[in-house]
Amino acid sequence: MDIFGERSLFTKIDKTSTCLGADTLRDYLSNPLTQCKEIEERQKAIKELSQKPEWNIRFLANAKSLELQDKSLLTNKLSVDFP
């Protein structure tokens, strides 16, 4: 099974909105849980968060903001180091 290629499982299911989210999904696919208890705990957490749309919107907005700040800081640093 192609996990990360051009027509992979990752490209089919990736609906993430941030780089961190995509990295987390890659990690989950690369290192799947094998213990029933861990799988059940993750499923429970996902179910709980999926029932909190307002929280999800705020979280996404904050994550996007932080991601933009990180890019801005990196861009500023690069322009200072490499005029």
PDB file of N, CA and C in Angstrom:
ATOM      1  N   MET A   1       0.844  -1.179   0.000  1.00  0.00           N
ATOM      2  CA  MET A   1       0.000   0.000   0.000  1.00  0.00           C
ATOM      3  C   MET A   1       0.887   1.239   0.000  1.00  0.00           C
ATOM      4  N   ASP A   2       0.544   2.178  -0.841  1.00  0.00           N
ATOM      5  CA  ASP A   2       1.283   3.442  -0.927  1.00  0.00           C
ATOM      6  C   ASP A   2       0.766   4.380   0.168  1.00  0.00           C
ATOM      7  N   ILE A   3       1.630   4.690   1.144  1.00  0.00           N
ATOM      8  CA  ILE A   3       1.219   5.525   2.271  1.00  0.00           C
ATOM      9  C   ILE A   3       1.470   7.007   1.997  1.00  0.00           C
ATOM     10  N   PHE A   4       2.597   7.339   1.332  1.00  0.00           N
ATOM     11  CA  PHE A   4       2.975   8.746   1.196  1.00  0.00           C
ATOM     12  C   PHE A   4       3.274   9.198  -0.232  1.00  0.00           C
ATOM     13  N   GLY A   5       3.024   8.404  -1.216  1.00  0.00           N
ATOM     14  CA  GLY A   5       3.320   8.786  -2.594  1.00  0.00           C
ATOM     15  C   GLY A   5       2.275   9.705  -3.208  1.00  0.00           C
ATOM     16  N   GLU A   6       2.378   9.847  -4.529  1.00  0.00           N
ATOM     17  CA  GLU A   6       1.491  10.770  -5.251  1.00  0.00           C
ATOM     18  C   GLU A   6       0.015  10.395  -5.147  1.00  0.00           C
ATOM     19  N   ARG A   7      -0.291   9.121  -5.177  1.00  0.00           N
ATOM     20  CA  ARG A   7      -1.684   8.653  -5.071  1.00  0.00           C
ATOM     21  C   ARG A   7      -1.862   7.825  -3.793  1.00  0.00           C
ATOM     22  N   SER A   8      -1.355   8.338  -2.723  1.00  0.00           N
ATOM     23  CA  SER A   8      -1.262   7.590  -1.475  1.00  0.00           C
ATOM     24  C   SER A   8      -2.488   7.740  -0.577  1.00  0.00           C
ATOM     25  N   LEU A   9      -2.480   6.923   0.451  1.00  0.00           N
ATOM     26  CA  LEU A   9      -3.486   7.026   1.507  1.00  0.00           C
ATOM     27  C   LEU A   9      -3.444   8.422   2.123  1.00  0.00           C
ATOM     28  N   PHE A  10      -2.227   8.920   2.384  1.00  0.00           N
ATOM     29  CA  PHE A  10      -2.081  10.247   2.989  1.00  0.00           C
ATOM     30  C   PHE A  10      -2.757  11.320   2.138  1.00  0.00           C
ATOM     31  N   THR A  11      -2.512  11.323   0.840  1.00  0.00           N
ATOM     32  CA  THR A  11      -3.109  12.368  -0.012  1.00  0.00           C
ATOM     33  C   THR A  11      -4.629  12.235  -0.086  1.00  0.00           C
ATOM     34  N   LYS A  12      -5.129  11.030   0.097  1.00  0.00           N
ATOM     35  CA  LYS A  12      -6.586  10.821   0.045  1.00  0.00           C
ATOM     36  C   LYS A  12      -7.291  11.280   1.318  1.00  0.00           C
ATOM     37  N   ILE A  13      -6.641  11.119   2.473  1.00  0.00           N
ATOM     38  CA  ILE A  13      -7.333  11.429   3.730  1.00  0.00           C
ATOM     39  C   ILE A  13      -6.875  12.731   4.380  1.00  0.00           C
ATOM     40  N   ASP A  14      -5.846  13.366   3.847  1.00  0.00           N
ATOM     41  CA  ASP A  14      -5.312  14.582   4.472  1.00  0.00           C
ATOM     42  C   ASP A  14      -6.271  15.754   4.284  1.00  0.00           C
ATOM     43  N   LYS A  15      -6.923  16.125   5.349  1.00  0.00           N
ATOM     44  CA  LYS A  15      -7.815  17.294   5.377  1.00  0.00           C
ATOM     45  C   LYS A  15      -7.318  18.297   6.406  1.00  0.00           C
ATOM     46  N   THR A  16      -6.041  18.192   6.756  1.00  0.00           N
ATOM     47  CA  THR A  16      -5.472  19.064   7.774  1.00  0.00           C
ATOM     48  C   THR A  16      -5.395  20.500   7.265  1.00  0.00           C
ATOM     49  N   SER A  17      -5.339  21.441   8.200  1.00  0.00           N
ATOM     50  CA  SER A  17      -5.318  22.863   7.864  1.00  0.00           C
ATOM     51  C   SER A  17      -4.018  23.547   8.240  1.00  0.00           C
ATOM     52  N   THR A  18      -3.157  22.845   8.958  1.00  0.00           N
ATOM     53  CA  THR A  18      -1.893  23.441   9.390  1.00  0.00           C
ATOM     54  C   THR A  18      -0.752  22.465   9.102  1.00  0.00           C
ATOM     55  N   CYS A  19       0.451  23.000   9.080  1.00  0.00           N
ATOM     56  CA  CYS A  19       1.632  22.144   8.894  1.00  0.00           C
ATOM     57  C   CYS A  19       1.753  21.150  10.041  1.00  0.00           C
ATOM     58  N   LEU A  20       1.481  21.624  11.250  1.00  0.00           N
ATOM     59  CA  LEU A  20       1.550  20.732  12.411  1.00  0.00           C
ATOM     60  C   LEU A  20       0.537  19.596  12.284  1.00  0.00           C
ATOM     61  N   GLY A  21      -0.644  19.901  11.798  1.00  0.00           N
ATOM     62  CA  GLY A  21      -1.657  18.863  11.610  1.00  0.00           C
ATOM     63  C   GLY A  21      -1.214  17.834  10.587  1.00  0.00           C
ATOM     64  N   ALA A  22      -0.640  18.295   9.477  1.00  0.00           N
ATOM     65  CA  ALA A  22      -0.152  17.373   8.452  1.00  0.00           C
ATOM     66  C   ALA A  22       0.994  16.519   8.996  1.00  0.00           C
ATOM     67  N   ASP A  23       1.880  17.138   9.759  1.00  0.00           N
ATOM     68  CA  ASP A  23       2.987  16.386  10.366  1.00  0.00           C
ATOM     69  C   ASP A  23       2.463  15.330  11.337  1.00  0.00           C
ATOM     70  N   THR A  24       1.446  15.688  12.107  1.00  0.00           N
ATOM     71  CA  THR A  24       0.868  14.743  13.062  1.00  0.00           C
ATOM     72  C   THR A  24       0.225  13.570  12.329  1.00  0.00           C
ATOM     73  N   LEU A  25      -0.501  13.860  11.258  1.00  0.00           N
ATOM     74  CA  LEU A  25      -1.122  12.792  10.477  1.00  0.00           C
ATOM     75  C   LEU A  25      -0.047  11.877   9.885  1.00  0.00           C
ATOM     76  N   ARG A  26       1.023  12.460   9.346  1.00  0.00           N
ATOM     77  CA  ARG A  26       2.129  11.648   8.827  1.00  0.00           C
ATOM     78  C   ARG A  26       2.698  10.741   9.918  1.00  0.00           C
ATOM     79  N   ASP A  27       2.862  11.310  11.107  1.00  0.00           N
ATOM     80  CA  ASP A  27       3.390  10.524  12.221  1.00  0.00           C
ATOM     81  C   ASP A  27       2.436   9.387  12.587  1.00  0.00           C
ATOM     82  N   TYR A  28       1.147   9.680  12.625  1.00  0.00           N
ATOM     83  CA  TYR A  28       0.166   8.640  12.959  1.00  0.00           C
ATOM     84  C   TYR A  28       0.205   7.510  11.929  1.00  0.00           C
ATOM     85  N   LEU A  29       0.368   7.859  10.660  1.00  0.00           N
ATOM     86  CA  LEU A  29       0.409   6.835   9.624  1.00  0.00           C
ATOM     87  C   LEU A  29       1.731   6.071   9.630  1.00  0.00           C
ATOM     88  N   SER A  30       2.800   6.750   9.996  1.00  0.00           N
ATOM     89  CA  SER A  30       4.123   6.113  10.036  1.00  0.00           C
ATOM     90  C   SER A  30       4.300   5.227  11.264  1.00  0.00           C
ATOM     91  N   ASN A  31       3.642   5.606  12.344  1.00  0.00           N
ATOM     92  CA  ASN A  31       3.794   4.906  13.624  1.00  0.00           C
ATOM     93  C   ASN A  31       2.423   4.590  14.217  1.00  0.00           C
ATOM     94  N   PRO A  32       1.699   3.659  13.607  1.00  0.00           N
ATOM     95  CA  PRO A  32       0.342   3.384  14.090  1.00  0.00           C
ATOM     96  C   PRO A  32       0.346   2.794  15.500  1.00  0.00           C
ATOM     97  N   LEU A  33      -0.689   3.124  16.222  1.00  0.00           N
ATOM     98  CA  LEU A  33      -0.862   2.553  17.556  1.00  0.00           C
ATOM     99  C   LEU A  33      -1.148   1.060  17.421  1.00  0.00           C
ATOM    100  N   THR A  34      -0.667   0.296  18.381  1.00  0.00           N
ATOM    101  CA  THR A  34      -0.892  -1.147  18.347  1.00  0.00           C
ATOM    102  C   THR A  34      -1.622  -1.665  19.583  1.00  0.00           C
ATOM    103  N   GLN A  35      -1.678  -0.857  20.627  1.00  0.00           N
ATOM    104  CA  GLN A  35      -2.328  -1.272  21.865  1.00  0.00           C
ATOM    105  C   GLN A  35      -3.790  -0.812  21.859  1.00  0.00           C
ATOM    106  N   CYS A  36      -4.680  -1.717  22.172  1.00  0.00           N
ATOM    107  CA  CYS A  36      -6.116  -1.410  22.166  1.00  0.00           C
ATOM    108  C   CYS A  36      -6.444  -0.209  23.042  1.00  0.00           C
ATOM    109  N   LYS A  37      -5.853  -0.143  24.217  1.00  0.00           N
ATOM    110  CA  LYS A  37      -6.150   0.957  25.139  1.00  0.00           C
ATOM    111  C   LYS A  37      -5.760   2.299  24.527  1.00  0.00           C
ATOM    112  N   GLU A  38      -4.593   2.369  23.889  1.00  0.00           N
ATOM    113  CA  GLU A  38      -4.147   3.621  23.252  1.00  0.00           C
ATOM    114  C   GLU A  38      -5.077   4.007  22.107  1.00  0.00           C
ATOM    115  N   ILE A  39      -5.476   3.024  21.317  1.00  0.00           N
ATOM    116  CA  ILE A  39      -6.393   3.280  20.193  1.00  0.00           C
ATOM    117  C   ILE A  39      -7.720   3.809  20.713  1.00  0.00           C
ATOM    118  N   GLU A  40      -8.255   3.177  21.749  1.00  0.00           N
ATOM    119  CA  GLU A  40      -9.525   3.605  22.329  1.00  0.00           C
ATOM    120  C   GLU A  40      -9.428   5.010  22.916  1.00  0.00           C
ATOM    121  N   GLU A  41      -8.308   5.326  23.571  1.00  0.00           N
ATOM    122  CA  GLU A  41      -8.116   6.663  24.142  1.00  0.00           C
ATOM    123  C   GLU A  41      -8.073   7.723  23.045  1.00  0.00           C
ATOM    124  N   ARG A  42      -7.376   7.424  21.943  1.00  0.00           N
ATOM    125  CA  ARG A  42      -7.326   8.386  20.834  1.00  0.00           C
ATOM    126  C   ARG A  42      -8.704   8.558  20.219  1.00  0.00           C
ATOM    127  N   GLN A  43      -9.415   7.461  20.029  1.00  0.00           N
ATOM    128  CA  GLN A  43     -10.773   7.540  19.471  1.00  0.00           C
ATOM    129  C   GLN A  43     -11.686   8.364  20.368  1.00  0.00           C
ATOM    130  N   LYS A  44     -11.565   8.173  21.672  1.00  0.00           N
ATOM    131  CA  LYS A  44     -12.384   8.925  22.633  1.00  0.00           C
ATOM    132  C   LYS A  44     -12.065  10.418  22.543  1.00  0.00           C
ATOM    133  N   ALA A  45     -10.790  10.762  22.473  1.00  0.00           N
ATOM    134  CA  ALA A  45     -10.393  12.175  22.378  1.00  0.00           C
ATOM    135  C   ALA A  45     -10.908  12.801  21.088  1.00  0.00           C
ATOM    136  N   ILE A  46     -10.786  12.079  19.981  1.00  0.00           N
ATOM    137  CA  ILE A  46     -11.273  12.591  18.693  1.00  0.00           C
ATOM    138  C   ILE A  46     -12.778  12.788  18.729  1.00  0.00           C
ATOM    139  N   LYS A  47     -13.492  11.838  19.304  1.00  0.00           N
ATOM    140  CA  LYS A  47     -14.950  11.957  19.400  1.00  0.00           C
ATOM    141  C   LYS A  47     -15.331  13.174  20.232  1.00  0.00           C
ATOM    142  N   GLU A  48     -14.647  13.346  21.362  1.00  0.00           N
ATOM    143  CA  GLU A  48     -14.948  14.477  22.241  1.00  0.00           C
ATOM    144  C   GLU A  48     -14.701  15.810  21.515  1.00  0.00           C
ATOM    145  N   LEU A  49     -13.556  15.932  20.854  1.00  0.00           N
ATOM    146  CA  LEU A  49     -13.244  17.186  20.162  1.00  0.00           C
ATOM    147  C   LEU A  49     -14.166  17.432  18.966  1.00  0.00           C
ATOM    148  N   SER A  50     -14.602  16.359  18.326  1.00  0.00           N
ATOM    149  CA  SER A  50     -15.486  16.529  17.165  1.00  0.00           C
ATOM    150  C   SER A  50     -16.854  17.085  17.563  1.00  0.00           C
ATOM    151  N   GLN A  51     -17.183  17.002  18.853  1.00  0.00           N
ATOM    152  CA  GLN A  51     -18.460  17.505  19.343  1.00  0.00           C
ATOM    153  C   GLN A  51     -18.356  18.923  19.891  1.00  0.00           C
ATOM    154  N   LYS A  52     -17.233  19.584  19.644  1.00  0.00           N
ATOM    155  CA  LYS A  52     -17.009  20.945  20.137  1.00  0.00           C
ATOM    156  C   LYS A  52     -16.606  21.861  18.987  1.00  0.00           C
ATOM    157  N   PRO A  53     -17.543  22.178  18.084  1.00  0.00           N
ATOM    158  CA  PRO A  53     -17.183  22.958  16.898  1.00  0.00           C
ATOM    159  C   PRO A  53     -16.648  24.355  17.221  1.00  0.00           C
ATOM    160  N   GLU A  54     -17.180  25.004  18.249  1.00  0.00           N
ATOM    161  CA  GLU A  54     -16.682  26.348  18.584  1.00  0.00           C
ATOM    162  C   GLU A  54     -15.227  26.287  19.046  1.00  0.00           C
ATOM    163  N   TRP A  55     -14.916  25.300  19.866  1.00  0.00           N
ATOM    164  CA  TRP A  55     -13.545  25.123  20.337  1.00  0.00           C
ATOM    165  C   TRP A  55     -12.619  24.847  19.156  1.00  0.00           C
ATOM    166  N   ASN A  56     -13.073  24.006  18.233  1.00  0.00           N
ATOM    167  CA  ASN A  56     -12.262  23.678  17.058  1.00  0.00           C
ATOM    168  C   ASN A  56     -11.962  24.909  16.216  1.00  0.00           C
ATOM    169  N   ILE A  57     -12.944  25.774  16.051  1.00  0.00           N
ATOM    170  CA  ILE A  57     -12.742  26.991  15.259  1.00  0.00           C
ATOM    171  C   ILE A  57     -11.715  27.897  15.931  1.00  0.00           C
ATOM    172  N   ARG A  58     -11.837  28.075  17.243  1.00  0.00           N
ATOM    173  CA  ARG A  58     -10.861  28.903  17.972  1.00  0.00           C
ATOM    174  C   ARG A  58      -9.460  28.297  17.916  1.00  0.00           C
ATOM    175  N   PHE A  59      -9.392  26.996  18.085  1.00  0.00           N
ATOM    176  CA  PHE A  59      -8.101  26.315  18.040  1.00  0.00           C
ATOM    177  C   PHE A  59      -7.455  26.497  16.669  1.00  0.00           C
ATOM    178  N   LEU A  60      -8.216  26.290  15.608  1.00  0.00           N
ATOM    179  CA  LEU A  60      -7.688  26.434  14.257  1.00  0.00           C
ATOM    180  C   LEU A  60      -7.220  27.863  14.001  1.00  0.00           C
ATOM    181  N   ALA A  61      -8.003  28.837  14.433  1.00  0.00           N
ATOM    182  CA  ALA A  61      -7.617  30.242  14.248  1.00  0.00           C
ATOM    183  C   ALA A  61      -6.310  30.540  14.974  1.00  0.00           C
ATOM    184  N   ASN A  62      -6.182  30.054  16.202  1.00  0.00           N
ATOM    185  CA  ASN A  62      -4.941  30.268  16.955  1.00  0.00           C
ATOM    186  C   ASN A  62      -3.766  29.550  16.309  1.00  0.00           C
ATOM    187  N   ALA A  63      -3.978  28.334  15.849  1.00  0.00           N
ATOM    188  CA  ALA A  63      -2.903  27.572  15.214  1.00  0.00           C
ATOM    189  C   ALA A  63      -2.441  28.256  13.937  1.00  0.00           C
ATOM    190  N   LYS A  64      -3.389  28.734  13.139  1.00  0.00           N
ATOM    191  CA  LYS A  64      -3.037  29.442  11.903  1.00  0.00           C
ATOM    192  C   LYS A  64      -2.259  30.711  12.217  1.00  0.00           C
ATOM    193  N   SER A  65      -2.696  31.429  13.238  1.00  0.00           N
ATOM    194  CA  SER A  65      -2.013  32.651  13.637  1.00  0.00           C
ATOM    195  C   SER A  65      -0.574  32.369  14.051  1.00  0.00           C
ATOM    196  N   LEU A  66      -0.384  31.333  14.850  1.00  0.00           N
ATOM    197  CA  LEU A  66       0.966  30.962  15.272  1.00  0.00           C
ATOM    198  C   LEU A  66       1.826  30.534  14.087  1.00  0.00           C
ATOM    199  N   GLU A  67       1.220  29.809  13.167  1.00  0.00           N
ATOM    200  CA  GLU A  67       1.954  29.369  11.985  1.00  0.00           C
ATOM    201  C   GLU A  67       2.402  30.571  11.155  1.00  0.00           C
ATOM    202  N   LEU A  68       1.529  31.555  11.009  1.00  0.00           N
ATOM    203  CA  LEU A  68       1.886  32.767  10.264  1.00  0.00           C
ATOM    204  C   LEU A  68       2.981  33.546  10.980  1.00  0.00           C
ATOM    205  N   GLN A  69       2.903  33.608  12.310  1.00  0.00           N
ATOM    206  CA  GLN A  69       3.946  34.296  13.078  1.00  0.00           C
ATOM    207  C   GLN A  69       5.288  33.597  12.907  1.00  0.00           C
ATOM    208  N   ASP A  70       5.288  32.266  12.940  1.00  0.00           N
ATOM    209  CA  ASP A  70       6.526  31.511  12.754  1.00  0.00           C
ATOM    210  C   ASP A  70       7.119  31.781  11.381  1.00  0.00           C
ATOM    211  N   LYS A  71       6.285  31.804  10.351  1.00  0.00           N
ATOM    212  CA  LYS A  71       6.773  32.075   8.994  1.00  0.00           C
ATOM    213  C   LYS A  71       7.335  33.488   8.913  1.00  0.00           C
ATOM    214  N   SER A  72       6.653  34.424   9.554  1.00  0.00           N
ATOM    215  CA  SER A  72       7.109  35.808   9.541  1.00  0.00           C
ATOM    216  C   SER A  72       8.453  35.939  10.244  1.00  0.00           C
ATOM    217  N   LEU A  73       8.594  35.280  11.398  1.00  0.00           N
ATOM    218  CA  LEU A  73       9.861  35.323  12.125  1.00  0.00           C
ATOM    219  C   LEU A  73      10.981  34.709  11.301  1.00  0.00           C
ATOM    220  N   LEU A  74      10.701  33.606  10.644  1.00  0.00           N
ATOM    221  CA  LEU A  74      11.707  32.949   9.827  1.00  0.00           C
ATOM    222  C   LEU A  74      12.099  33.838   8.650  1.00  0.00           C
ATOM    223  N   THR A  75      11.112  34.440   8.002  1.00  0.00           N
ATOM    224  CA  THR A  75      11.390  35.325   6.876  1.00  0.00           C
ATOM    225  C   THR A  75      12.228  36.517   7.321  1.00  0.00           C
ATOM    226  N   ASN A  76      11.865  37.111   8.461  1.00  0.00           N
ATOM    227  CA  ASN A  76      12.636  38.246   8.977  1.00  0.00           C
ATOM    228  C   ASN A  76      14.065  37.842   9.311  1.00  0.00           C
ATOM    229  N   LYS A  77      14.243  36.688   9.899  1.00  0.00           N
ATOM    230  CA  LYS A  77      15.574  36.221  10.249  1.00  0.00           C
ATOM    231  C   LYS A  77      16.408  35.989   8.992  1.00  0.00           C
ATOM    232  N   LEU A  78      15.802  35.376   7.989  1.00  0.00           N
ATOM    233  CA  LEU A  78      16.524  35.126   6.753  1.00  0.00           C
ATOM    234  C   LEU A  78      16.928  36.421   6.055  1.00  0.00           C
ATOM    235  N   SER A  79      16.051  37.407   6.088  1.00  0.00           N
ATOM    236  CA  SER A  79      16.382  38.665   5.413  1.00  0.00           C
ATOM    237  C   SER A  79      17.484  39.416   6.170  1.00  0.00           C
ATOM    238  N   VAL A  80      17.579  39.204   7.473  1.00  0.00           N
ATOM    239  CA  VAL A  80      18.654  39.834   8.254  1.00  0.00           C
ATOM    240  C   VAL A  80      19.965  39.102   8.003  1.00  0.00           C
ATOM    241  N   ASP A  81      19.926  37.775   7.973  1.00  0.00           N
ATOM    242  CA  ASP A  81      21.140  36.984   7.776  1.00  0.00           C
ATOM    243  C   ASP A  81      21.641  37.041   6.349  1.00  0.00           C
ATOM    244  N   PHE A  82      20.727  37.126   5.409  1.00  0.00           N
ATOM    245  CA  PHE A  82      21.074  37.106   3.989  1.00  0.00           C
ATOM    246  C   PHE A  82      20.440  38.275   3.273  1.00  0.00           C
ATOM    247  N   PRO A  83      21.095  39.425   3.281  1.00  0.00           N
ATOM    248  CA  PRO A  83      20.486  40.631   2.673  1.00  0.00           C
ATOM    249  C   PRO A  83      20.288  40.494   1.170  1.00  0.00           C
TER     250      PRO A  83
END
